Amino acid sequence: SVNMAVYGIVFPFSKPLRECEKQLHHGYTAGFEVGDVANSLRCASLHRYISFFSGQPLPKFLKGVEKVSKLMKEYNSNSTLLVNLVYQQAAVNFSGSGGASTGPAYLNGDFCDYNKIEQQFQEKTHSILHEQMNLMQTILAYHFAHYDTGWKSSEKIHVCGGGSIFKGFIFQYI
């Protein structure tokens, strides 16, 4: 769990993402070796997050996210699975490999249904899943030039205390 906290939460803001990615993969594999499945899958989820934003090629990312999703299902790690499925849907949309039911700019398809999840979390505005889902919806929308959708989803992104940590990131992206 130290590996997860240090390389998944602290160091991504101060070290190269590729370095964090390698250490989180190590935490994921080492956790399984010693039987710490819960922390192993949390490292796997953070590894997928870091891999996505560090520019890992989409085919390699999709292969890894599919493998991790299967493990999360097998071990009933439902909260980490939901976050993982958000990234899997976004990667499918970016790759153009199908599975996006409402077009590539929207986080709806075979792995994730933005609207369904949004309804479930209307009152839980600080849920990690909700934040990650809105971040990915915003990135997809801006990337595919659906600026109104991107702005609406970016308005839903918050951190504790009501401020937004992601809006600066979003504006750098566009």
Protein backbone atom coordinates (compact mmCIF):
# COMPACT_ATOMS: atom_id res chain seq x y z
CA SER A 1 0.00 0.00 0.00
CA VAL A 2 3.01 2.32 0.45
CA ASN A 3 3.93 1.73 -3.20
CA MET A 4 0.36 2.63 -4.19
CA ALA A 5 0.31 5.85 -2.16
CA VAL A 6 3.77 7.04 -3.13
CA TYR A 7 3.80 6.16 -6.86
CA GLY A 8 0.07 6.52 -7.46
CA ILE A 9 -0.74 9.68 -5.54
CA VAL A 10 2.37 11.64 -4.52
CA PHE A 11 5.05 11.08 -7.17
CA PRO A 12 2.89 11.63 -10.28
CA PHE A 13 3.08 15.33 -9.42
CA SER A 14 6.88 15.38 -9.03
CA LYS A 15 8.42 12.53 -11.06
CA PRO A 16 8.11 11.34 -14.65
CA LEU A 17 4.90 9.34 -15.13
CA ARG A 18 6.81 6.47 -16.76
CA GLU A 19 8.76 5.96 -13.51
CA CYS A 20 5.52 5.85 -11.53
CA GLU A 21 4.00 3.47 -14.07
CA LYS A 22 6.86 0.96 -13.60
CA GLN A 23 6.65 1.06 -9.80
CA LEU A 24 2.85 0.65 -9.79
CA HIS A 25 3.19 -2.36 -12.07
CA HIS A 26 5.70 -3.77 -9.60
CA GLY A 27 3.23 -3.14 -6.74
CA TYR A 28 0.52 -4.89 -8.71
CA THR A 29 2.60 -8.01 -9.44
CA ALA A 30 4.24 -8.12 -5.99
CA GLY A 31 0.86 -7.78 -4.28
CA PHE A 32 -0.43 -10.86 -6.06
CA GLU A 33 2.74 -12.80 -5.22
CA VAL A 34 2.29 -12.22 -1.48
CA GLY A 35 -1.52 -12.55 -1.50
CA ASP A 36 -2.42 -8.89 -0.96
CA VAL A 37 -5.07 -8.90 -3.66
CA ALA A 38 -6.90 -5.72 -2.58
CA ASN A 39 -3.81 -3.48 -2.70
CA SER A 40 -2.54 -5.28 -5.79
CA LEU A 41 -5.73 -4.38 -7.66
CA ARG A 42 -5.59 -0.79 -6.39
CA CYS A 43 -2.04 -0.55 -7.76
CA ALA A 44 -3.33 -2.05 -11.01
CA SER A 45 -6.06 0.59 -11.22
CA LEU A 46 -3.60 3.42 -10.58
CA HIS A 47 -1.19 1.82 -13.06
CA ARG A 48 -3.91 1.95 -15.73
CA TYR A 49 -4.62 5.60 -14.88
CA ILE A 50 -0.93 6.57 -15.09
CA SER A 51 -0.47 4.46 -18.25
CA PHE A 52 -3.34 6.27 -19.95
CA PHE A 53 -1.98 9.73 -19.18
CA SER A 54 1.67 8.86 -19.81
CA GLY A 55 0.96 8.12 -23.46
CA GLN A 56 1.06 4.34 -23.52
CA PRO A 57 0.01 3.18 -27.02
CA LEU A 58 -3.73 2.44 -27.02
CA PRO A 59 -3.49 -1.22 -28.21
CA LYS A 60 -1.09 -2.01 -25.35
CA PHE A 61 -3.23 -0.03 -22.91
CA LEU A 62 -6.41 -1.85 -23.99
CA LYS A 63 -4.76 -5.25 -23.63
CA GLY A 64 -3.63 -4.38 -20.10
CA VAL A 65 -6.93 -2.85 -19.03
CA GLU A 66 -8.85 -5.91 -20.27
CA LYS A 67 -6.58 -8.22 -18.26
CA VAL A 68 -6.96 -6.11 -15.12
CA SER A 69 -10.75 -5.85 -15.55
CA LYS A 70 -11.00 -9.65 -15.64
CA LEU A 71 -9.00 -9.91 -12.41
CA MET A 72 -11.13 -7.25 -10.75
CA LYS A 73 -14.28 -9.17 -11.70
CA GLU A 74 -12.78 -12.44 -10.50
CA TYR A 75 -11.87 -10.98 -7.08
CA ASN A 76 -15.07 -8.89 -6.74
CA SER A 77 -13.17 -5.61 -6.63
CA ASN A 78 -16.18 -3.67 -7.86
CA SER A 79 -15.19 -0.09 -7.02
CA THR A 80 -11.80 -0.36 -8.74
CA LEU A 81 -13.45 -2.23 -11.62
CA LEU A 82 -15.86 0.66 -12.29
CA VAL A 83 -13.00 3.17 -12.47
CA ASN A 84 -11.05 0.78 -14.72
CA LEU A 85 -14.05 0.44 -17.06
CA VAL A 86 -14.19 4.23 -17.46
CA TYR A 87 -10.62 4.19 -18.82
CA GLN A 88 -11.34 1.13 -20.93
CA GLN A 89 -14.32 2.87 -22.58
CA ALA A 90 -12.31 6.05 -23.17
CA ALA A 91 -9.47 4.08 -24.77
CA VAL A 92 -11.94 2.24 -27.02
CA ASN A 93 -13.43 5.60 -28.06
CA PHE A 94 -9.99 7.10 -28.80
CA SER A 95 -8.86 4.03 -30.74
CA GLY A 96 -11.97 4.02 -32.92
CA SER A 97 -12.32 0.28 -32.42
CA GLY A 98 -16.09 0.42 -31.86
CA GLY A 99 -17.97 -0.07 -28.65
CA ALA A 100 -19.03 3.58 -28.37
CA SER A 101 -22.81 3.53 -28.56
CA THR A 102 -23.39 7.29 -28.88
CA GLY A 103 -20.27 8.35 -30.77
CA PRO A 104 -16.65 8.70 -29.70
CA ALA A 105 -17.14 12.00 -27.84
CA TYR A 106 -19.41 10.39 -25.25
CA LEU A 107 -18.48 7.98 -22.47
CA ASN A 108 -21.20 5.48 -23.35
CA GLY A 109 -20.66 2.05 -24.80
CA ASP A 110 -19.82 -1.55 -24.09
CA PHE A 111 -17.86 -0.83 -20.89
CA CYS A 112 -19.27 2.34 -19.37
CA ASP A 113 -22.59 4.19 -19.41
CA TYR A 114 -21.97 7.79 -18.34
CA ASN A 115 -25.65 8.68 -17.96
CA LYS A 116 -26.46 5.62 -15.84
CA ILE A 117 -23.51 6.23 -13.52
CA GLU A 118 -24.29 9.96 -13.39
CA GLN A 119 -27.79 9.19 -12.09
CA GLN A 120 -26.36 6.92 -9.38
CA PHE A 121 -23.97 9.60 -8.13
CA GLN A 122 -26.11 12.75 -8.24
CA GLU A 123 -25.73 13.30 -4.51
CA LYS A 124 -22.19 11.94 -4.12
CA THR A 125 -20.27 14.72 -5.87
CA HIS A 126 -16.89 13.75 -4.40
CA SER A 127 -16.84 10.12 -5.43
CA ILE A 128 -13.56 9.08 -7.07
CA LEU A 129 -15.50 7.24 -9.76
CA HIS A 130 -17.62 10.33 -10.43
CA GLU A 131 -14.54 12.54 -10.69
CA GLN A 132 -12.68 10.18 -13.03
CA MET A 133 -15.78 9.66 -15.15
CA ASN A 134 -16.30 13.41 -15.58
CA LEU A 135 -12.61 13.94 -16.32
CA MET A 136 -12.66 11.32 -19.07
CA GLN A 137 -15.96 12.63 -20.46
CA THR A 138 -14.47 16.12 -20.58
CA ILE A 139 -11.31 14.96 -22.36
CA LEU A 140 -13.27 12.91 -24.90
CA ALA A 141 -15.69 15.75 -25.60
CA TYR A 142 -12.94 18.33 -26.13
CA HIS A 143 -10.85 15.94 -28.22
CA PHE A 144 -13.78 15.25 -30.55
CA ALA A 145 -14.83 18.96 -30.62
CA HIS A 146 -18.00 18.64 -28.52
CA TYR A 147 -17.14 21.70 -26.46
CA ASP A 148 -20.55 22.20 -24.84
CA THR A 149 -20.53 18.63 -23.52
CA GLY A 150 -16.92 19.07 -22.38
CA TRP A 151 -17.73 22.25 -20.50
CA LYS A 152 -20.78 20.70 -18.79
CA SER A 153 -18.83 17.67 -17.60
CA SER A 154 -15.86 19.83 -16.50
CA GLU A 155 -18.23 21.85 -14.30
CA LYS A 156 -18.98 18.64 -12.36
CA ILE A 157 -15.34 17.98 -11.44
CA HIS A 158 -14.50 18.93 -7.85
CA VAL A 159 -12.07 18.17 -5.08
CA CYS A 160 -12.54 18.40 -1.35
CA GLY A 161 -13.27 21.98 -0.41
CA GLY A 162 -15.19 22.65 -3.62
CA GLY A 163 -12.25 23.73 -5.80
CA SER A 164 -11.29 22.10 -9.06
CA ILE A 165 -7.94 20.39 -9.51
CA PHE A 166 -8.72 19.19 -13.03
CA LYS A 167 -9.77 22.40 -14.80
CA GLY A 168 -6.18 23.58 -15.17
CA PHE A 169 -5.32 20.20 -16.63
CA ILE A 170 -8.31 20.37 -18.99
CA PHE A 171 -7.36 23.78 -20.31
CA GLN A 172 -3.80 22.55 -20.95
CA TYR A 173 -5.24 19.62 -22.87
CA ILE A 174 -7.34 21.71 -25.27
